[in-house]
Amino acid sequence: MKIVIFGATGMLGIQLVKQALYSGYEVSAFGRNVFTADLPKNEHLELIQGALFDQEQVYEAIVGADAVITSIGGDSNGSDMTRSLGMKNIIAQMQKAHVTRIVAVGEMSILNADKDHLIMDLPDFPAKFLPISREHLKAYQYLKASMLDWTMVCPPEIIDLDPTGNFITSSDFAPNPDPIKIIAADLALFMLKELNKNEFLQHRVGICN
């Protein structure tokens, strides 16, 4: 299987690249800094330096692939729309290239708190986190409105530790007990597993260690 990973140079993105190669995927790693990031040298890895908002560059990265994984980052202020507009462009270019499967990373705050509210809607949700939560929500709304076979994994705090292989998941809600963290390597492991198993198509996924 050939996959394209957007946001390949961040903490999670590097884990996704490493684990995908270990699992035998053909990987295209897309980002602005792919040639200077700590990515492995591998004959099955293609580095694509490009801009997430560039329609032609994103299309050329996607065309011919079997699936897409996104680990898009950005600033936490309200003016950075990398996550939402980047997702919007990826969706458009996937549809143009007739690639339908995508596994994306979001944030725990856009999971359901109950049948009527998201976690970010609760009165005690910290106001300082609302700008980034709104960005993740817009990205989710773009996915939900698309015709793609999407899954959005919505983790709590991501930490950089060795993989454990032990984590719990929940569809559309945060797992119980309340999640505190997820190890980046375990998050990458789950995203690649979901890419093939398709257990959470058209759903958000809560996850934690």
Foldseek 3Di string as FASTA:
>chain_A
DEEEEEPLQDLLNQLLQVVCVVVPYQYEYEEQCQVPGPHDDDPSYHYQHDDLLDLVSLLVRQAPGQEYEYDDDDDQDLVDLCLQNSLLSNLVSCVVNVHAHYEYEAAQQQFCPDPPDGNCPDPPRDPSNVSRNVSSVNSLVSVLPGPGFYEYEHEYAEDADDDDLDKDKDWRHADPPHAHYAYSNNVSVVSVVCSPPVPHGSTYMHMHD
